[in-house]
Amino acid sequence: MRALLAVGLAALLAACGRGGPEPAPMLTDDPAAMQECRAEARNSQQVRDVQRTAWNENLYRTDIVNRNLREAEANAELDCLRRRGVVRGGGVEQVRPPALF
């Protein structure tokens, strides 16, 4: 009975893991292009617009801004890589976690 309880408990703990698998990294033959696009993305107009909306005294708003900032950086980096021909367009949009509002 204890062995069955231990196995059941282990199965429950395994089911309580993280929300999903790690996202696959973008692979490219040109790491210099990746670094340049990442730097360009950090300085893009999209990212600067999101940074202007930051309000550090409101933790809830800060969480939303951080999420929007990560999304803007990822979109800008992907746009740069597409312009350079490193990755092709298309695909599926990343699943977004539900918002609190």
PDB file of N, CA and C in Angstrom:
ATOM      1  N   MET A   1       0.829  -1.195   0.000  1.00  0.00           N
ATOM      2  CA  MET A   1       0.000   0.000   0.000  1.00  0.00           C
ATOM      3  C   MET A   1       0.871   1.257   0.000  1.00  0.00           C
ATOM      4  N   ARG A   2       1.964   1.219   0.764  1.00  0.00           N
ATOM      5  CA  ARG A   2       2.846   2.387   0.806  1.00  0.00           C
ATOM      6  C   ARG A   2       3.546   2.603  -0.529  1.00  0.00           C
ATOM      7  N   ALA A   3       3.895   1.503  -1.187  1.00  0.00           N
ATOM      8  CA  ALA A   3       4.555   1.627  -2.487  1.00  0.00           C
ATOM      9  C   ALA A   3       3.605   2.259  -3.500  1.00  0.00           C
ATOM     10  N   LEU A   4       2.336   1.866  -3.458  1.00  0.00           N
ATOM     11  CA  LEU A   4       1.347   2.427  -4.359  1.00  0.00           C
ATOM     12  C   LEU A   4       1.145   3.903  -4.066  1.00  0.00           C
ATOM     13  N   LEU A   5       1.121   4.268  -2.790  1.00  0.00           N
ATOM     14  CA  LEU A   5       0.983   5.663  -2.395  1.00  0.00           C
ATOM     15  C   LEU A   5       2.192   6.473  -2.848  1.00  0.00           C
ATOM     16  N   ALA A   6       3.384   5.911  -2.726  1.00  0.00           N
ATOM     17  CA  ALA A   6       4.605   6.605  -3.149  1.00  0.00           C
ATOM     18  C   ALA A   6       4.618   6.819  -4.658  1.00  0.00           C
ATOM     19  N   VAL A   7       4.190   5.813  -5.413  1.00  0.00           N
ATOM     20  CA  VAL A   7       4.146   5.939  -6.865  1.00  0.00           C
ATOM     21  C   VAL A   7       3.111   6.988  -7.266  1.00  0.00           C
ATOM     22  N   GLY A   8       1.969   6.983  -6.616  1.00  0.00           N
ATOM     23  CA  GLY A   8       0.927   7.965  -6.906  1.00  0.00           C
ATOM     24  C   GLY A   8       1.379   9.384  -6.586  1.00  0.00           C
ATOM     25  N   LEU A   9       2.077   9.538  -5.469  1.00  0.00           N
ATOM     26  CA  LEU A   9       2.589  10.851  -5.081  1.00  0.00           C
ATOM     27  C   LEU A   9       3.645  11.331  -6.073  1.00  0.00           C
ATOM     28  N   ALA A  10       4.498  10.430  -6.513  1.00  0.00           N
ATOM     29  CA  ALA A  10       5.522  10.797  -7.495  1.00  0.00           C
ATOM     30  C   ALA A  10       4.876  11.214  -8.812  1.00  0.00           C
ATOM     31  N   ALA A  11       3.807  10.516  -9.207  1.00  0.00           N
ATOM     32  CA  ALA A  11       3.110  10.872 -10.446  1.00  0.00           C
ATOM     33  C   ALA A  11       2.453  12.241 -10.324  1.00  0.00           C
ATOM     34  N   LEU A  12       1.879  12.544  -9.172  1.00  0.00           N
ATOM     35  CA  LEU A  12       1.269  13.853  -8.955  1.00  0.00           C
ATOM     36  C   LEU A  12       2.307  14.963  -8.998  1.00  0.00           C
ATOM     37  N   LEU A  13       3.444  14.739  -8.378  1.00  0.00           N
ATOM     38  CA  LEU A  13       4.493  15.748  -8.381  1.00  0.00           C
ATOM     39  C   LEU A  13       5.049  15.961  -9.785  1.00  0.00           C
ATOM     40  N   ALA A  14       5.156  14.896 -10.554  1.00  0.00           N
ATOM     41  CA  ALA A  14       5.643  15.026 -11.925  1.00  0.00           C
ATOM     42  C   ALA A  14       4.649  15.806 -12.782  1.00  0.00           C
ATOM     43  N   ALA A  15       3.366  15.656 -12.511  1.00  0.00           N
ATOM     44  CA  ALA A  15       2.338  16.374 -13.261  1.00  0.00           C
ATOM     45  C   ALA A  15       2.302  17.856 -12.924  1.00  0.00           C
ATOM     46  N   CYS A  16       2.872  18.230 -11.796  1.00  0.00           N
ATOM     47  CA  CYS A  16       2.866  19.633 -11.367  1.00  0.00           C
ATOM     48  C   CYS A  16       4.108  20.369 -11.851  1.00  0.00           C
ATOM     49  N   GLY A  17       4.700  19.918 -12.912  1.00  0.00           N
ATOM     50  CA  GLY A  17       5.903  20.558 -13.445  1.00  0.00           C
ATOM     51  C   GLY A  17       5.571  21.909 -14.044  1.00  0.00           C
ATOM     52  N   ARG A  18       6.502  22.432 -14.811  1.00  0.00           N
ATOM     53  CA  ARG A  18       6.299  23.725 -15.438  1.00  0.00           C
ATOM     54  C   ARG A  18       5.181  23.652 -16.459  1.00  0.00           C
ATOM     55  N   GLY A  19       4.776  24.817 -16.958  1.00  0.00           N
ATOM     56  CA  GLY A  19       3.641  24.907 -17.853  1.00  0.00           C
ATOM     57  C   GLY A  19       3.821  24.256 -19.210  1.00  0.00           C
ATOM     58  N   GLY A  20       5.006  23.943 -19.613  1.00  0.00           N
ATOM     59  CA  GLY A  20       5.197  23.343 -20.922  1.00  0.00           C
ATOM     60  C   GLY A  20       6.668  23.197 -21.234  1.00  0.00           C
ATOM     61  N   PRO A  21       6.958  22.724 -22.414  1.00  0.00           N
ATOM     62  CA  PRO A  21       8.363  22.528 -22.782  1.00  0.00           C
ATOM     63  C   PRO A  21       9.054  23.861 -23.039  1.00  0.00           C
ATOM     64  N   GLU A  22      10.360  23.847 -22.937  1.00  0.00           N
ATOM     65  CA  GLU A  22      11.150  25.039 -23.237  1.00  0.00           C
ATOM     66  C   GLU A  22      10.994  25.354 -24.722  1.00  0.00           C
ATOM     67  N   PRO A  23      10.922  26.652 -25.063  1.00  0.00           N
ATOM     68  CA  PRO A  23      10.848  26.975 -26.483  1.00  0.00           C
ATOM     69  C   PRO A  23      12.153  26.615 -27.175  1.00  0.00           C
ATOM     70  N   ALA A  24      12.047  26.156 -28.391  1.00  0.00           N
ATOM     71  CA  ALA A  24      13.242  25.771 -29.148  1.00  0.00           C
ATOM     72  C   ALA A  24      14.020  27.018 -29.537  1.00  0.00           C
ATOM     73  N   PRO A  25      15.321  27.002 -29.358  1.00  0.00           N
ATOM     74  CA  PRO A  25      16.110  28.169 -29.748  1.00  0.00           C
ATOM     75  C   PRO A  25      16.171  28.293 -31.274  1.00  0.00           C
ATOM     76  N   MET A  26      16.306  29.529 -31.752  1.00  0.00           N
ATOM     77  CA  MET A  26      16.452  29.736 -33.180  1.00  0.00           C
ATOM     78  C   MET A  26      17.874  29.372 -33.565  1.00  0.00           C
ATOM     79  N   LEU A  27      18.003  28.489 -34.507  1.00  0.00           N
ATOM     80  CA  LEU A  27      19.322  28.070 -34.943  1.00  0.00           C
ATOM     81  C   LEU A  27      19.651  28.762 -36.256  1.00  0.00           C
ATOM     82  N   THR A  28      20.853  29.219 -36.364  1.00  0.00           N
ATOM     83  CA  THR A  28      21.296  29.871 -37.576  1.00  0.00           C
ATOM     84  C   THR A  28      22.770  29.565 -37.784  1.00  0.00           C
ATOM     85  N   ASP A  29      23.190  29.665 -39.020  1.00  0.00           N
ATOM     86  CA  ASP A  29      24.597  29.443 -39.331  1.00  0.00           C
ATOM     87  C   ASP A  29      25.424  30.699 -39.110  1.00  0.00           C
ATOM     88  N   ASP A  30      24.774  31.821 -38.837  1.00  0.00           N
ATOM     89  CA  ASP A  30      25.470  33.093 -38.723  1.00  0.00           C
ATOM     90  C   ASP A  30      25.209  33.720 -37.351  1.00  0.00           C
ATOM     91  N   PRO A  31      26.000  33.364 -36.327  1.00  0.00           N
ATOM     92  CA  PRO A  31      25.769  33.939 -35.000  1.00  0.00           C
ATOM     93  C   PRO A  31      25.992  35.440 -34.957  1.00  0.00           C
ATOM     94  N   ALA A  32      26.811  35.971 -35.869  1.00  0.00           N
ATOM     95  CA  ALA A  32      27.023  37.422 -35.905  1.00  0.00           C
ATOM     96  C   ALA A  32      25.726  38.134 -36.277  1.00  0.00           C
ATOM     97  N   ALA A  33      24.976  37.563 -37.219  1.00  0.00           N
ATOM     98  CA  ALA A  33      23.693  38.155 -37.607  1.00  0.00           C
ATOM     99  C   ALA A  33      22.717  38.119 -36.441  1.00  0.00           C
ATOM    100  N   MET A  34      22.737  37.045 -35.672  1.00  0.00           N
ATOM    101  CA  MET A  34      21.860  36.949 -34.501  1.00  0.00           C
ATOM    102  C   MET A  34      22.192  38.046 -33.499  1.00  0.00           C
ATOM    103  N   GLN A  35      23.482  38.244 -33.225  1.00  0.00           N
ATOM    104  CA  GLN A  35      23.888  39.268 -32.256  1.00  0.00           C
ATOM    105  C   GLN A  35      23.548  40.665 -32.760  1.00  0.00           C
ATOM    106  N   GLU A  36      23.774  40.916 -34.029  1.00  0.00           N
ATOM    107  CA  GLU A  36      23.453  42.228 -34.582  1.00  0.00           C
ATOM    108  C   GLU A  36      21.950  42.491 -34.544  1.00  0.00           C
ATOM    109  N   CYS A  37      21.164  41.477 -34.868  1.00  0.00           N
ATOM    110  CA  CYS A  37      19.707  41.644 -34.845  1.00  0.00           C
ATOM    111  C   CYS A  37      19.201  41.821 -33.414  1.00  0.00           C
ATOM    112  N   ARG A  38      19.808  41.124 -32.457  1.00  0.00           N
ATOM    113  CA  ARG A  38      19.410  41.285 -31.064  1.00  0.00           C
ATOM    114  C   ARG A  38      19.697  42.712 -30.590  1.00  0.00           C
ATOM    115  N   ALA A  39      20.864  43.243 -30.963  1.00  0.00           N
ATOM    116  CA  ALA A  39      21.202  44.617 -30.588  1.00  0.00           C
ATOM    117  C   ALA A  39      20.271  45.610 -31.281  1.00  0.00           C
ATOM    118  N   GLU A  40      19.961  45.354 -32.546  1.00  0.00           N
ATOM    119  CA  GLU A  40      19.041  46.228 -33.267  1.00  0.00           C
ATOM    120  C   GLU A  40      17.644  46.178 -32.646  1.00  0.00           C
ATOM    121  N   ALA A  41      17.238  45.003 -32.213  1.00  0.00           N
ATOM    122  CA  ALA A  41      15.913  44.854 -31.619  1.00  0.00           C
ATOM    123  C   ALA A  41      15.799  45.628 -30.308  1.00  0.00           C
ATOM    124  N   ARG A  42      16.862  45.618 -29.516  1.00  0.00           N
ATOM    125  CA  ARG A  42      16.828  46.345 -28.239  1.00  0.00           C
ATOM    126  C   ARG A  42      16.696  47.845 -28.443  1.00  0.00           C
ATOM    127  N   ASN A  43      17.138  48.351 -29.589  1.00  0.00           N
ATOM    128  CA  ASN A  43      17.068  49.781 -29.872  1.00  0.00           C
ATOM    129  C   ASN A  43      15.951  50.137 -30.844  1.00  0.00           C
ATOM    130  N   SER A  44      15.052  49.207 -31.115  1.00  0.00           N
ATOM    131  CA  SER A  44      14.002  49.455 -32.102  1.00  0.00           C
ATOM    132  C   SER A  44      12.948  50.417 -31.554  1.00  0.00           C
ATOM    133  N   GLN A  45      12.201  50.987 -32.467  1.00  0.00           N
ATOM    134  CA  GLN A  45      11.143  51.938 -32.094  1.00  0.00           C
ATOM    135  C   GLN A  45      10.055  51.245 -31.276  1.00  0.00           C
ATOM    136  N   GLN A  46       9.727  49.998 -31.626  1.00  0.00           N
ATOM    137  CA  GLN A  46       8.716  49.241 -30.872  1.00  0.00           C
ATOM    138  C   GLN A  46       9.098  49.145 -29.402  1.00  0.00           C
ATOM    139  N   VAL A  47      10.344  48.774 -29.146  1.00  0.00           N
ATOM    140  CA  VAL A  47      10.813  48.582 -27.777  1.00  0.00           C
ATOM    141  C   VAL A  47      10.833  49.915 -27.032  1.00  0.00           C
ATOM    142  N   ARG A  48      11.268  50.980 -27.701  1.00  0.00           N
ATOM    143  CA  ARG A  48      11.289  52.293 -27.041  1.00  0.00           C
ATOM    144  C   ARG A  48       9.883  52.765 -26.699  1.00  0.00           C
ATOM    145  N   ASP A  49       8.913  52.466 -27.566  1.00  0.00           N
ATOM    146  CA  ASP A  49       7.526  52.839 -27.272  1.00  0.00           C
ATOM    147  C   ASP A  49       7.011  52.119 -26.032  1.00  0.00           C
ATOM    148  N   VAL A  50       7.351  50.841 -25.892  1.00  0.00           N
ATOM    149  CA  VAL A  50       6.912  50.081 -24.714  1.00  0.00           C
ATOM    150  C   VAL A  50       7.616  50.599 -23.465  1.00  0.00           C
ATOM    151  N   GLN A  51       8.889  50.933 -23.576  1.00  0.00           N
ATOM    152  CA  GLN A  51       9.633  51.440 -22.419  1.00  0.00           C
ATOM    153  C   GLN A  51       9.070  52.760 -21.922  1.00  0.00           C
ATOM    154  N   ARG A  52       8.508  53.553 -22.815  1.00  0.00           N
ATOM    155  CA  ARG A  52       7.910  54.831 -22.396  1.00  0.00           C
ATOM    156  C   ARG A  52       6.674  54.628 -21.525  1.00  0.00           C
ATOM    157  N   THR A  53       6.029  53.476 -21.644  1.00  0.00           N
ATOM    158  CA  THR A  53       4.808  53.237 -20.867  1.00  0.00           C
ATOM    159  C   THR A  53       5.098  52.693 -19.467  1.00  0.00           C
ATOM    160  N   ALA A  54       6.371  52.508 -19.124  1.00  0.00           N
ATOM    161  CA  ALA A  54       6.731  51.929 -17.822  1.00  0.00           C
ATOM    162  C   ALA A  54       6.317  52.872 -16.694  1.00  0.00           C
ATOM    163  N   TRP A  55       5.834  52.265 -15.623  1.00  0.00           N
ATOM    164  CA  TRP A  55       5.433  53.007 -14.432  1.00  0.00           C
ATOM    165  C   TRP A  55       5.900  52.163 -13.257  1.00  0.00           C
ATOM    166  N   ASN A  56       7.077  52.446 -12.739  1.00  0.00           N
ATOM    167  CA  ASN A  56       7.752  51.571 -11.791  1.00  0.00           C
ATOM    168  C   ASN A  56       7.072  51.450 -10.437  1.00  0.00           C
ATOM    169  N   GLU A  57       6.225  52.381 -10.076  1.00  0.00           N
ATOM    170  CA  GLU A  57       5.596  52.321  -8.756  1.00  0.00           C
ATOM    171  C   GLU A  57       4.400  51.374  -8.724  1.00  0.00           C
ATOM    172  N   ASN A  58       3.924  50.958  -9.857  1.00  0.00           N
ATOM    173  CA  ASN A  58       2.781  50.064  -9.937  1.00  0.00           C
ATOM    174  C   ASN A  58       3.270  48.693 -10.395  1.00  0.00           C
ATOM    175  N   LEU A  59       3.340  47.731  -9.472  1.00  0.00           N
ATOM    176  CA  LEU A  59       3.901  46.415  -9.788  1.00  0.00           C
ATOM    177  C   LEU A  59       3.088  45.671 -10.833  1.00  0.00           C
ATOM    178  N   TYR A  60       1.765  45.822 -10.786  1.00  0.00           N
ATOM    179  CA  TYR A  60       0.923  45.155 -11.772  1.00  0.00           C
ATOM    180  C   TYR A  60       1.232  45.686 -13.168  1.00  0.00           C
ATOM    181  N   ARG A  61       1.344  46.986 -13.282  1.00  0.00           N
ATOM    182  CA  ARG A  61       1.650  47.606 -14.575  1.00  0.00           C
ATOM    183  C   ARG A  61       3.061  47.227 -15.035  1.00  0.00           C
ATOM    184  N   THR A  62       3.990  47.139 -14.094  1.00  0.00           N
ATOM    185  CA  THR A  62       5.361  46.756 -14.432  1.00  0.00           C
ATOM    186  C   THR A  62       5.392  45.357 -15.036  1.00  0.00           C
ATOM    187  N   ASP A  63       4.595  44.451 -14.500  1.00  0.00           N
ATOM    188  CA  ASP A  63       4.529  43.092 -15.038  1.00  0.00           C
ATOM    189  C   ASP A  63       4.014  43.106 -16.474  1.00  0.00           C
ATOM    190  N   ILE A  64       3.001  43.894 -16.740  1.00  0.00           N
ATOM    191  CA  ILE A  64       2.445  43.999 -18.086  1.00  0.00           C
ATOM    192  C   ILE A  64       3.466  44.607 -19.042  1.00  0.00           C
ATOM    193  N   VAL A  65       4.148  45.661 -18.589  1.00  0.00           N
ATOM    194  CA  VAL A  65       5.153  46.311 -19.433  1.00  0.00           C
ATOM    195  C   VAL A  65       6.295  45.350 -19.740  1.00  0.00           C
ATOM    196  N   ASN A  66       6.744  44.587 -18.743  1.00  0.00           N
ATOM    197  CA  ASN A  66       7.824  43.629 -18.978  1.00  0.00           C
ATOM    198  C   ASN A  66       7.418  42.574 -20.004  1.00  0.00           C
ATOM    199  N   ARG A  67       6.188  42.099 -19.912  1.00  0.00           N
ATOM    200  CA  ARG A  67       5.699  41.118 -20.881  1.00  0.00           C
ATOM    201  C   ARG A  67       5.641  41.732 -22.287  1.00  0.00           C
ATOM    202  N   ASN A  68       5.129  42.965 -22.378  1.00  0.00           N
ATOM    203  CA  ASN A  68       5.064  43.642 -23.668  1.00  0.00           C
ATOM    204  C   ASN A  68       6.457  43.933 -24.216  1.00  0.00           C
ATOM    205  N   LEU A  69       7.396  44.229 -23.322  1.00  0.00           N
ATOM    206  CA  LEU A  69       8.769  44.504 -23.736  1.00  0.00           C
ATOM    207  C   LEU A  69       9.423  43.255 -24.329  1.00  0.00           C
ATOM    208  N   ARG A  70       9.251  42.115 -23.661  1.00  0.00           N
ATOM    209  CA  ARG A  70       9.803  40.867 -24.197  1.00  0.00           C
ATOM    210  C   ARG A  70       9.195  40.542 -25.562  1.00  0.00           C
ATOM    211  N   GLU A  71       7.894  40.761 -25.693  1.00  0.00           N
ATOM    212  CA  GLU A  71       7.215  40.493 -26.960  1.00  0.00           C
ATOM    213  C   GLU A  71       7.709  41.436 -28.057  1.00  0.00           C
ATOM    214  N   ALA A  72       7.879  42.718 -27.743  1.00  0.00           N
ATOM    215  CA  ALA A  72       8.349  43.689 -28.732  1.00  0.00           C
ATOM    216  C   ALA A  72       9.778  43.372 -29.166  1.00  0.00           C
ATOM    217  N   GLU A  73      10.644  42.993 -28.209  1.00  0.00           N
ATOM    218  CA  GLU A  73      12.022  42.631 -28.553  1.00  0.00           C
ATOM    219  C   GLU A  73      12.054  41.405 -29.462  1.00  0.00           C
ATOM    220  N   ALA A  74      11.252  40.401 -29.133  1.00  0.00           N
ATOM    221  CA  ALA A  74      11.220  39.185 -29.946  1.00  0.00           C
ATOM    222  C   ALA A  74      10.715  39.482 -31.354  1.00  0.00           C
ATOM    223  N   ASN A  75       9.671  40.307 -31.465  1.00  0.00           N
ATOM    224  CA  ASN A  75       9.134  40.650 -32.784  1.00  0.00           C
ATOM    225  C   ASN A  75      10.148  41.443 -33.607  1.00  0.00           C
ATOM    226  N   ALA A  76      10.828  42.400 -32.964  1.00  0.00           N
ATOM    227  CA  ALA A  76      11.816  43.215 -33.674  1.00  0.00           C
ATOM    228  C   ALA A  76      13.004  42.361 -34.127  1.00  0.00           C
ATOM    229  N   GLU A  77      13.430  41.429 -33.276  1.00  0.00           N
ATOM    230  CA  GLU A  77      14.541  40.553 -33.645  1.00  0.00           C
ATOM    231  C   GLU A  77      14.151  39.651 -34.812  1.00  0.00           C
ATOM    232  N   LEU A  78      12.960  39.110 -34.775  1.00  0.00           N
ATOM    233  CA  LEU A  78      12.492  38.248 -35.859  1.00  0.00           C
ATOM    234  C   LEU A  78      12.345  39.027 -37.163  1.00  0.00           C
ATOM    235  N   ASP A  79      11.860  40.269 -37.071  1.00  0.00           N
ATOM    236  CA  ASP A  79      11.756  41.102 -38.267  1.00  0.00           C
ATOM    237  C   ASP A  79      13.134  41.351 -38.887  1.00  0.00           C
ATOM    238  N   CYS A  80      14.116  41.625 -38.044  1.00  0.00           N
ATOM    239  CA  CYS A  80      15.483  41.849 -38.522  1.00  0.00           C
ATOM    240  C   CYS A  80      16.020  40.588 -39.204  1.00  0.00           C
ATOM    241  N   LEU A  81      15.814  39.437 -38.581  1.00  0.00           N
ATOM    242  CA  LEU A  81      16.300  38.187 -39.165  1.00  0.00           C
ATOM    243  C   LEU A  81      15.612  37.885 -40.493  1.00  0.00           C
ATOM    244  N   ARG A  82      14.343  38.229 -40.600  1.00  0.00           N
ATOM    245  CA  ARG A  82      13.623  38.030 -41.863  1.00  0.00           C
ATOM    246  C   ARG A  82      14.175  38.953 -42.949  1.00  0.00           C
ATOM    247  N   ARG A  83      14.451  40.212 -42.589  1.00  0.00           N
ATOM    248  CA  ARG A  83      15.001  41.150 -43.563  1.00  0.00           C
ATOM    249  C   ARG A  83      16.351  40.686 -44.093  1.00  0.00           C
ATOM    250  N   ARG A  84      17.146  40.070 -43.238  1.00  0.00           N
ATOM    251  CA  ARG A  84      18.468  39.598 -43.641  1.00  0.00           C
ATOM    252  C   ARG A  84      18.417  38.236 -44.330  1.00  0.00           C
ATOM    253  N   GLY A  85      17.258  37.601 -44.323  1.00  0.00           N
ATOM    254  CA  GLY A  85      17.112  36.313 -44.987  1.00  0.00           C
ATOM    255  C   GLY A  85      17.600  35.133 -44.166  1.00  0.00           C
ATOM    256  N   VAL A  86      17.789  35.346 -42.854  1.00  0.00           N
ATOM    257  CA  VAL A  86      18.264  34.259 -41.993  1.00  0.00           C
ATOM    258  C   VAL A  86      17.129  33.283 -41.704  1.00  0.00           C
ATOM    259  N   VAL A  87      15.935  33.801 -41.448  1.00  0.00           N
ATOM    260  CA  VAL A  87      14.767  32.949 -41.219  1.00  0.00           C
ATOM    261  C   VAL A  87      13.679  33.342 -42.214  1.00  0.00           C
ATOM    262  N   ARG A  88      12.816  32.394 -42.494  1.00  0.00           N
ATOM    263  CA  ARG A  88      11.705  32.663 -43.391  1.00  0.00           C
ATOM    264  C   ARG A  88      10.490  33.087 -42.580  1.00  0.00           C
ATOM    265  N   GLY A  89       9.565  33.745 -43.220  1.00  0.00           N
ATOM    266  CA  GLY A  89       8.333  34.162 -42.569  1.00  0.00           C
ATOM    267  C   GLY A  89       7.398  32.997 -42.358  1.00  0.00           C
ATOM    268  N   GLY A  90       6.300  33.275 -41.693  1.00  0.00           N
ATOM    269  CA  GLY A  90       5.301  32.242 -41.454  1.00  0.00           C
ATOM    270  C   GLY A  90       5.453  31.626 -40.087  1.00  0.00           C
ATOM    271  N   GLY A  91       4.723  30.574 -39.848  1.00  0.00           N
ATOM    272  CA  GLY A  91       4.790  29.899 -38.570  1.00  0.00           C
ATOM    273  C   GLY A  91       3.560  30.174 -37.733  1.00  0.00           C
ATOM    274  N   VAL A  92       3.650  29.826 -36.480  1.00  0.00           N
ATOM    275  CA  VAL A  92       2.531  29.955 -35.558  1.00  0.00           C
ATOM    276  C   VAL A  92       2.914  30.948 -34.465  1.00  0.00           C
ATOM    277  N   GLU A  93       1.975  31.805 -34.114  1.00  0.00           N
ATOM    278  CA  GLU A  93       2.228  32.786 -33.062  1.00  0.00           C
ATOM    279  C   GLU A  93       2.371  32.073 -31.723  1.00  0.00           C
ATOM    280  N   GLN A  94       3.262  32.580 -30.898  1.00  0.00           N
ATOM    281  CA  GLN A  94       3.521  31.992 -29.586  1.00  0.00           C
ATOM    282  C   GLN A  94       2.280  32.135 -28.696  1.00  0.00           C
ATOM    283  N   VAL A  95       2.018  31.124 -27.898  1.00  0.00           N
ATOM    284  CA  VAL A  95       0.892  31.151 -26.979  1.00  0.00           C
ATOM    285  C   VAL A  95       1.174  32.158 -25.869  1.00  0.00           C
ATOM    286  N   ARG A  96       0.233  33.025 -25.613  1.00  0.00           N
ATOM    287  CA  ARG A  96       0.397  34.059 -24.595  1.00  0.00           C
ATOM    288  C   ARG A  96      -0.304  33.606 -23.308  1.00  0.00           C
ATOM    289  N   PRO A  97       0.315  33.832 -22.157  1.00  0.00           N
ATOM    290  CA  PRO A  97      -0.373  33.490 -20.915  1.00  0.00           C
ATOM    291  C   PRO A  97      -1.565  34.422 -20.691  1.00  0.00           C
ATOM    292  N   PRO A  98      -2.581  33.949 -20.004  1.00  0.00           N
ATOM    293  CA  PRO A  98      -3.745  34.823 -19.784  1.00  0.00           C
ATOM    294  C   PRO A  98      -3.378  36.002 -18.908  1.00  0.00           C
ATOM    295  N   ALA A  99      -3.988  37.143 -19.193  1.00  0.00           N
ATOM    296  CA  ALA A  99      -3.755  38.350 -18.398  1.00  0.00           C
ATOM    297  C   ALA A  99      -4.650  38.340 -17.171  1.00  0.00           C
ATOM    298  N   LEU A 100      -4.312  39.159 -16.216  1.00  0.00           N
ATOM    299  CA  LEU A 100      -5.086  39.216 -14.976  1.00  0.00           C
ATOM    300  C   LEU A 100      -6.286  40.134 -15.065  1.00  0.00           C
ATOM    301  N   PHE A 101      -6.456  40.816 -16.164  1.00  0.00           N
ATOM    302  CA  PHE A 101      -7.566  41.752 -16.269  1.00  0.00           C
ATOM    303  C   PHE A 101      -8.544  41.326 -17.323  1.00  0.00           C
TER     304      PHE A 101
END
